[in-house]
Amino acid sequence: MELKGAPEQIMMGGRSFWKRNLAVQTTTGTRYGSQFVTMDKGYLLMFFLGSPDLPGLRDIEKSLESIRFLESSN
């Protein structure tokens, strides 16, 4: 596994996340991934996305724009 570039801070659903890009070499070729991480109320929230190609990964990442979080007092 190879991390690509420095982590970047992004907003998702009104919350701040850190994003990392990575590539994994397999016997069938390179696979691409991105990881989104944040801490909230003492919990670690992670989204890990993967695709056999970069355009497919970018398409999946676009779907994260639809995420919404409910506000709660807990």
PDB file of N, CA and C in Angstrom:
ATOM      1  N   MET A   1       0.851  -1.169   0.000  1.00  0.00           N
ATOM      2  CA  MET A   1       0.000   0.000   0.000  1.00  0.00           C
ATOM      3  C   MET A   1       0.897   1.232   0.000  1.00  0.00           C
ATOM      4  N   GLU A   2       0.539   2.190  -0.812  1.00  0.00           N
ATOM      5  CA  GLU A   2       1.296   3.428  -0.909  1.00  0.00           C
ATOM      6  C   GLU A   2       0.360   4.615  -0.694  1.00  0.00           C
ATOM      7  N   LEU A   3       0.671   5.437   0.294  1.00  0.00           N
ATOM      8  CA  LEU A   3      -0.116   6.649   0.520  1.00  0.00           C
ATOM      9  C   LEU A   3       0.276   7.681  -0.517  1.00  0.00           C
ATOM     10  N   LYS A   4      -0.704   8.375  -1.049  1.00  0.00           N
ATOM     11  CA  LYS A   4      -0.476   9.359  -2.107  1.00  0.00           C
ATOM     12  C   LYS A   4      -0.722  10.763  -1.572  1.00  0.00           C
ATOM     13  N   GLY A   5       0.313  11.561  -1.482  1.00  0.00           N
ATOM     14  CA  GLY A   5       0.177  12.951  -1.064  1.00  0.00           C
ATOM     15  C   GLY A   5      -0.091  13.109   0.420  1.00  0.00           C
ATOM     16  N   ALA A   6      -0.209  14.348   0.829  1.00  0.00           N
ATOM     17  CA  ALA A   6      -0.469  14.689   2.229  1.00  0.00           C
ATOM     18  C   ALA A   6      -1.970  14.614   2.507  1.00  0.00           C
ATOM     19  N   PRO A   7      -2.349  14.359   3.757  1.00  0.00           N
ATOM     20  CA  PRO A   7      -3.782  14.398   4.097  1.00  0.00           C
ATOM     21  C   PRO A   7      -4.349  15.786   3.819  1.00  0.00           C
ATOM     22  N   GLU A   8      -5.601  15.822   3.415  1.00  0.00           N
ATOM     23  CA  GLU A   8      -6.249  17.116   3.206  1.00  0.00           C
ATOM     24  C   GLU A   8      -7.541  17.172   4.004  1.00  0.00           C
ATOM     25  N   GLN A   9      -7.833  18.366   4.497  1.00  0.00           N
ATOM     26  CA  GLN A   9      -9.045  18.551   5.281  1.00  0.00           C
ATOM     27  C   GLN A   9     -10.178  18.947   4.337  1.00  0.00           C
ATOM     28  N   ILE A  10     -11.323  18.247   4.480  1.00  0.00           N
ATOM     29  CA  ILE A  10     -12.489  18.538   3.639  1.00  0.00           C
ATOM     30  C   ILE A  10     -13.723  18.629   4.533  1.00  0.00           C
ATOM     31  N   MET A  11     -14.791  19.208   4.002  1.00  0.00           N
ATOM     32  CA  MET A  11     -16.064  19.256   4.703  1.00  0.00           C
ATOM     33  C   MET A  11     -17.018  18.263   4.056  1.00  0.00           C
ATOM     34  N   MET A  12     -17.723  17.516   4.911  1.00  0.00           N
ATOM     35  CA  MET A  12     -18.702  16.545   4.437  1.00  0.00           C
ATOM     36  C   MET A  12     -19.888  16.580   5.390  1.00  0.00           C
ATOM     37  N   GLY A  13     -21.053  16.892   4.877  1.00  0.00           N
ATOM     38  CA  GLY A  13     -22.241  16.945   5.713  1.00  0.00           C
ATOM     39  C   GLY A  13     -22.128  17.962   6.839  1.00  0.00           C
ATOM     40  N   GLY A  14     -21.371  19.036   6.606  1.00  0.00           N
ATOM     41  CA  GLY A  14     -21.195  20.070   7.621  1.00  0.00           C
ATOM     42  C   GLY A  14     -20.151  19.734   8.677  1.00  0.00           C
ATOM     43  N   ARG A  15     -19.393  18.652   8.482  1.00  0.00           N
ATOM     44  CA  ARG A  15     -18.357  18.245   9.437  1.00  0.00           C
ATOM     45  C   ARG A  15     -17.007  18.176   8.742  1.00  0.00           C
ATOM     46  N   SER A  16     -15.978  18.412   9.521  1.00  0.00           N
ATOM     47  CA  SER A  16     -14.618  18.387   9.007  1.00  0.00           C
ATOM     48  C   SER A  16     -14.067  16.961   9.035  1.00  0.00           C
ATOM     49  N   PHE A  17     -13.544  16.503   7.909  1.00  0.00           N
ATOM     50  CA  PHE A  17     -12.932  15.189   7.781  1.00  0.00           C
ATOM     51  C   PHE A  17     -11.506  15.357   7.247  1.00  0.00           C
ATOM     52  N   TRP A  18     -10.666  14.382   7.539  1.00  0.00           N
ATOM     53  CA  TRP A  18      -9.354  14.288   6.908  1.00  0.00           C
ATOM     54  C   TRP A  18      -9.434  13.216   5.842  1.00  0.00           C
ATOM     55  N   LYS A  19      -8.881  13.511   4.668  1.00  0.00           N
ATOM     56  CA  LYS A  19      -8.914  12.581   3.536  1.00  0.00           C
ATOM     57  C   LYS A  19      -7.488  12.146   3.191  1.00  0.00           C
ATOM     58  N   ARG A  20      -7.320  10.841   2.959  1.00  0.00           N
ATOM     59  CA  ARG A  20      -6.051  10.283   2.476  1.00  0.00           C
ATOM     60  C   ARG A  20      -6.331   9.476   1.231  1.00  0.00           C
ATOM     61  N   ASN A  21      -5.460   9.582   0.246  1.00  0.00           N
ATOM     62  CA  ASN A  21      -5.537   8.779  -0.971  1.00  0.00           C
ATOM     63  C   ASN A  21      -4.466   7.703  -0.910  1.00  0.00           C
ATOM     64  N   LEU A  22      -4.766   6.544  -1.491  1.00  0.00           N
ATOM     65  CA  LEU A  22      -3.789   5.463  -1.483  1.00  0.00           C
ATOM     66  C   LEU A  22      -3.934   4.607  -2.720  1.00  0.00           C
ATOM     67  N   ALA A  23      -2.869   3.851  -2.980  1.00  0.00           N
ATOM     68  CA  ALA A  23      -2.861   2.885  -4.078  1.00  0.00           C
ATOM     69  C   ALA A  23      -2.327   1.568  -3.535  1.00  0.00           C
ATOM     70  N   VAL A  24      -2.917   0.473  -3.979  1.00  0.00           N
ATOM     71  CA  VAL A  24      -2.511  -0.862  -3.549  1.00  0.00           C
ATOM     72  C   VAL A  24      -2.144  -1.668  -4.790  1.00  0.00           C
ATOM     73  N   GLN A  25      -0.936  -2.217  -4.798  1.00  0.00           N
ATOM     74  CA  GLN A  25      -0.498  -3.069  -5.909  1.00  0.00           C
ATOM     75  C   GLN A  25      -0.943  -4.501  -5.630  1.00  0.00           C
ATOM     76  N   THR A  26      -1.656  -5.106  -6.577  1.00  0.00           N
ATOM     77  CA  THR A  26      -2.094  -6.492  -6.453  1.00  0.00           C
ATOM     78  C   THR A  26      -1.590  -7.273  -7.669  1.00  0.00           C
ATOM     79  N   THR A  27      -1.798  -8.553  -7.655  1.00  0.00           N
ATOM     80  CA  THR A  27      -1.373  -9.371  -8.796  1.00  0.00           C
ATOM     81  C   THR A  27      -2.168  -9.052 -10.055  1.00  0.00           C
ATOM     82  N   THR A  28      -3.332  -8.449  -9.895  1.00  0.00           N
ATOM     83  CA  THR A  28      -4.159  -8.096 -11.054  1.00  0.00           C
ATOM     84  C   THR A  28      -4.048  -6.625 -11.433  1.00  0.00           C
ATOM     85  N   GLY A  29      -3.173  -5.881 -10.755  1.00  0.00           N
ATOM     86  CA  GLY A  29      -2.984  -4.469 -11.084  1.00  0.00           C
ATOM     87  C   GLY A  29      -3.164  -3.580  -9.871  1.00  0.00           C
ATOM     88  N   THR A  30      -3.168  -2.301 -10.117  1.00  0.00           N
ATOM     89  CA  THR A  30      -3.288  -1.304  -9.053  1.00  0.00           C
ATOM     90  C   THR A  30      -4.751  -1.068  -8.715  1.00  0.00           C
ATOM     91  N   ARG A  31      -5.035  -0.979  -7.437  1.00  0.00           N
ATOM     92  CA  ARG A  31      -6.357  -0.602  -6.931  1.00  0.00           C
ATOM     93  C   ARG A  31      -6.196   0.719  -6.198  1.00  0.00           C
ATOM     94  N   TYR A  32      -7.210   1.563  -6.278  1.00  0.00           N
ATOM     95  CA  TYR A  32      -7.137   2.900  -5.699  1.00  0.00           C
ATOM     96  C   TYR A  32      -8.149   3.047  -4.581  1.00  0.00           C
ATOM     97  N   GLY A  33      -7.779   3.829  -3.584  1.00  0.00           N
ATOM     98  CA  GLY A  33      -8.675   4.027  -2.456  1.00  0.00           C
ATOM     99  C   GLY A  33      -8.559   5.420  -1.880  1.00  0.00           C
ATOM    100  N   SER A  34      -9.564   5.781  -1.123  1.00  0.00           N
ATOM    101  CA  SER A  34      -9.530   7.018  -0.352  1.00  0.00           C
ATOM    102  C   SER A  34     -10.210   6.742   0.982  1.00  0.00           C
ATOM    103  N   GLN A  35      -9.690   7.396   2.001  1.00  0.00           N
ATOM    104  CA  GLN A  35     -10.174   7.203   3.365  1.00  0.00           C
ATOM    105  C   GLN A  35     -10.534   8.561   3.934  1.00  0.00           C
ATOM    106  N   PHE A  36     -11.694   8.635   4.575  1.00  0.00           N
ATOM    107  CA  PHE A  36     -12.187   9.866   5.177  1.00  0.00           C
ATOM    108  C   PHE A  36     -12.391   9.587   6.666  1.00  0.00           C
ATOM    109  N   VAL A  37     -11.815  10.427   7.525  1.00  0.00           N
ATOM    110  CA  VAL A  37     -11.824  10.155   8.965  1.00  0.00           C
ATOM    111  C   VAL A  37     -12.145  11.427   9.741  1.00  0.00           C
ATOM    112  N   THR A  38     -12.953  11.263  10.808  1.00  0.00           N
ATOM    113  CA  THR A  38     -13.211  12.353  11.742  1.00  0.00           C
ATOM    114  C   THR A  38     -13.497  11.765  13.122  1.00  0.00           C
ATOM    115  N   MET A  39     -13.370  12.578  14.137  1.00  0.00           N
ATOM    116  CA  MET A  39     -13.744  12.202  15.507  1.00  0.00           C
ATOM    117  C   MET A  39     -14.988  12.996  15.873  1.00  0.00           C
ATOM    118  N   ASP A  40     -15.946  12.325  16.518  1.00  0.00           N
ATOM    119  CA  ASP A  40     -17.157  13.009  16.957  1.00  0.00           C
ATOM    120  C   ASP A  40     -17.674  12.333  18.222  1.00  0.00           C
ATOM    121  N   LYS A  41     -17.822  13.111  19.254  1.00  0.00           N
ATOM    122  CA  LYS A  41     -18.375  12.623  20.530  1.00  0.00           C
ATOM    123  C   LYS A  41     -17.622  11.401  21.049  1.00  0.00           C
ATOM    124  N   GLY A  42     -16.313  11.388  20.839  1.00  0.00           N
ATOM    125  CA  GLY A  42     -15.484  10.299  21.325  1.00  0.00           C
ATOM    126  C   GLY A  42     -15.438   9.081  20.424  1.00  0.00           C
ATOM    127  N   TYR A  43     -16.076   9.153  19.259  1.00  0.00           N
ATOM    128  CA  TYR A  43     -16.095   8.035  18.315  1.00  0.00           C
ATOM    129  C   TYR A  43     -15.297   8.390  17.068  1.00  0.00           C
ATOM    130  N   LEU A  44     -14.663   7.394  16.497  1.00  0.00           N
ATOM    131  CA  LEU A  44     -13.963   7.549  15.236  1.00  0.00           C
ATOM    132  C   LEU A  44     -14.916   7.146  14.115  1.00  0.00           C
ATOM    133  N   LEU A  45     -15.135   8.037  13.180  1.00  0.00           N
ATOM    134  CA  LEU A  45     -16.008   7.767  12.045  1.00  0.00           C
ATOM    135  C   LEU A  45     -15.139   7.718  10.791  1.00  0.00           C
ATOM    136  N   MET A  46     -15.179   6.578  10.074  1.00  0.00           N
ATOM    137  CA  MET A  46     -14.350   6.396   8.886  1.00  0.00           C
ATOM    138  C   MET A  46     -15.193   5.914   7.716  1.00  0.00           C
ATOM    139  N   PHE A  47     -14.880   6.453   6.552  1.00  0.00           N
ATOM    140  CA  PHE A  47     -15.410   5.953   5.293  1.00  0.00           C
ATOM    141  C   PHE A  47     -14.204   5.534   4.472  1.00  0.00           C
ATOM    142  N   PHE A  48     -14.220   4.313   3.967  1.00  0.00           N
ATOM    143  CA  PHE A  48     -13.132   3.825   3.127  1.00  0.00           C
ATOM    144  C   PHE A  48     -13.729   3.414   1.793  1.00  0.00           C
ATOM    145  N   LEU A  49     -13.237   4.012   0.717  1.00  0.00           N
ATOM    146  CA  LEU A  49     -13.754   3.752  -0.620  1.00  0.00           C
ATOM    147  C   LEU A  49     -12.661   3.134  -1.476  1.00  0.00           C
ATOM    148  N   GLY A  50     -13.025   2.234  -2.372  1.00  0.00           N
ATOM    149  CA  GLY A  50     -12.044   1.618  -3.250  1.00  0.00           C
ATOM    150  C   GLY A  50     -12.601   1.375  -4.635  1.00  0.00           C
ATOM    151  N   SER A  51     -11.689   1.377  -5.627  1.00  0.00           N
ATOM    152  CA  SER A  51     -12.080   1.172  -7.011  1.00  0.00           C
ATOM    153  C   SER A  51     -10.885   0.649  -7.802  1.00  0.00           C
ATOM    154  N   PRO A  52     -11.139  -0.088  -8.885  1.00  0.00           N
ATOM    155  CA  PRO A  52     -10.026  -0.545  -9.714  1.00  0.00           C
ATOM    156  C   PRO A  52      -9.422   0.556 -10.582  1.00  0.00           C
ATOM    157  N   ASP A  53     -10.085   1.736 -10.646  1.00  0.00           N
ATOM    158  CA  ASP A  53      -9.525   2.839 -11.440  1.00  0.00           C
ATOM    159  C   ASP A  53      -9.855   4.178 -10.787  1.00  0.00           C
ATOM    160  N   LEU A  54      -9.050   5.187 -11.106  1.00  0.00           N
ATOM    161  CA  LEU A  54      -9.240   6.517 -10.496  1.00  0.00           C
ATOM    162  C   LEU A  54     -10.562   7.180 -10.884  1.00  0.00           C
ATOM    163  N   PRO A  55     -10.998   7.118 -12.148  1.00  0.00           N
ATOM    164  CA  PRO A  55     -12.303   7.736 -12.468  1.00  0.00           C
ATOM    165  C   PRO A  55     -13.446   7.114 -11.656  1.00  0.00           C
ATOM    166  N   GLY A  56     -13.406   5.801 -11.472  1.00  0.00           N
ATOM    167  CA  GLY A  56     -14.439   5.144 -10.672  1.00  0.00           C
ATOM    168  C   GLY A  56     -14.394   5.590  -9.219  1.00  0.00           C
ATOM    169  N   LEU A  57     -13.188   5.758  -8.688  1.00  0.00           N
ATOM    170  CA  LEU A  57     -13.046   6.230  -7.305  1.00  0.00           C
ATOM    171  C   LEU A  57     -13.606   7.637  -7.160  1.00  0.00           C
ATOM    172  N   ARG A  58     -13.318   8.500  -8.106  1.00  0.00           N
ATOM    173  CA  ARG A  58     -13.825   9.886  -8.036  1.00  0.00           C
ATOM    174  C   ARG A  58     -15.357   9.899  -8.114  1.00  0.00           C
ATOM    175  N   ASP A  59     -15.942   9.002  -8.915  1.00  0.00           N
ATOM    176  CA  ASP A  59     -17.405   8.920  -8.992  1.00  0.00           C
ATOM    177  C   ASP A  59     -17.988   8.504  -7.639  1.00  0.00           C
ATOM    178  N   ILE A  60     -17.370   7.530  -6.994  1.00  0.00           N
ATOM    179  CA  ILE A  60     -17.855   7.086  -5.679  1.00  0.00           C
ATOM    180  C   ILE A  60     -17.714   8.210  -4.655  1.00  0.00           C
ATOM    181  N   GLU A  61     -16.590   8.930  -4.702  1.00  0.00           N
ATOM    182  CA  GLU A  61     -16.378  10.035  -3.759  1.00  0.00           C
ATOM    183  C   GLU A  61     -17.472  11.091  -3.894  1.00  0.00           C
ATOM    184  N   LYS A  62     -17.940  11.330  -5.098  1.00  0.00           N
ATOM    185  CA  LYS A  62     -19.005  12.321  -5.311  1.00  0.00           C
ATOM    186  C   LYS A  62     -20.269  11.959  -4.538  1.00  0.00           C
ATOM    187  N   SER A  63     -20.513  10.653  -4.344  1.00  0.00           N
ATOM    188  CA  SER A  63     -21.714  10.233  -3.620  1.00  0.00           C
ATOM    189  C   SER A  63     -21.668  10.658  -2.153  1.00  0.00           C
ATOM    190  N   LEU A  64     -20.473  10.897  -1.618  1.00  0.00           N
ATOM    191  CA  LEU A  64     -20.367  11.337  -0.224  1.00  0.00           C
ATOM    192  C   LEU A  64     -20.952  12.729  -0.009  1.00  0.00           C
ATOM    193  N   GLU A  65     -21.112  13.491  -1.084  1.00  0.00           N
ATOM    194  CA  GLU A  65     -21.701  14.831  -0.973  1.00  0.00           C
ATOM    195  C   GLU A  65     -23.138  14.768  -0.459  1.00  0.00           C
ATOM    196  N   SER A  66     -23.792  13.601  -0.586  1.00  0.00           N
ATOM    197  CA  SER A  66     -25.183  13.471  -0.155  1.00  0.00           C
ATOM    198  C   SER A  66     -25.319  13.132   1.330  1.00  0.00           C
ATOM    199  N   ILE A  67     -24.211  12.907   2.025  1.00  0.00           N
ATOM    200  CA  ILE A  67     -24.279  12.516   3.448  1.00  0.00           C
ATOM    201  C   ILE A  67     -24.748  13.689   4.293  1.00  0.00           C
ATOM    202  N   ARG A  68     -25.669  13.399   5.182  1.00  0.00           N
ATOM    203  CA  ARG A  68     -26.178  14.383   6.144  1.00  0.00           C
ATOM    204  C   ARG A  68     -26.117  13.743   7.527  1.00  0.00           C
ATOM    205  N   PHE A  69     -25.786  14.537   8.537  1.00  0.00           N
ATOM    206  CA  PHE A  69     -25.709  14.058   9.905  1.00  0.00           C
ATOM    207  C   PHE A  69     -26.838  14.670  10.725  1.00  0.00           C
ATOM    208  N   LEU A  70     -27.424  13.881  11.585  1.00  0.00           N
ATOM    209  CA  LEU A  70     -28.465  14.371  12.489  1.00  0.00           C
ATOM    210  C   LEU A  70     -27.804  14.986  13.707  1.00  0.00           C
ATOM    211  N   GLU A  71     -28.347  16.087  14.149  1.00  0.00           N
ATOM    212  CA  GLU A  71     -27.848  16.711  15.365  1.00  0.00           C
ATOM    213  C   GLU A  71     -28.528  16.049  16.556  1.00  0.00           C
ATOM    214  N   SER A  72     -27.734  15.720  17.572  1.00  0.00           N
ATOM    215  CA  SER A  72     -28.305  15.146  18.788  1.00  0.00           C
ATOM    216  C   SER A  72     -27.574  15.702  19.993  1.00  0.00           C
ATOM    217  N   SER A  73     -28.199  15.606  21.144  1.00  0.00           N
ATOM    218  CA  SER A  73     -27.592  16.144  22.368  1.00  0.00           C
ATOM    219  C   SER A  73     -26.730  15.100  23.070  1.00  0.00           C
ATOM    220  N   ASN A  74     -26.667  13.874  22.575  1.00  0.00           N
ATOM    221  CA  ASN A  74     -25.871  12.810  23.204  1.00  0.00           C
ATOM    222  C   ASN A  74     -24.416  12.921  22.867  1.00  0.00           C
TER     223      ASN A  74
END
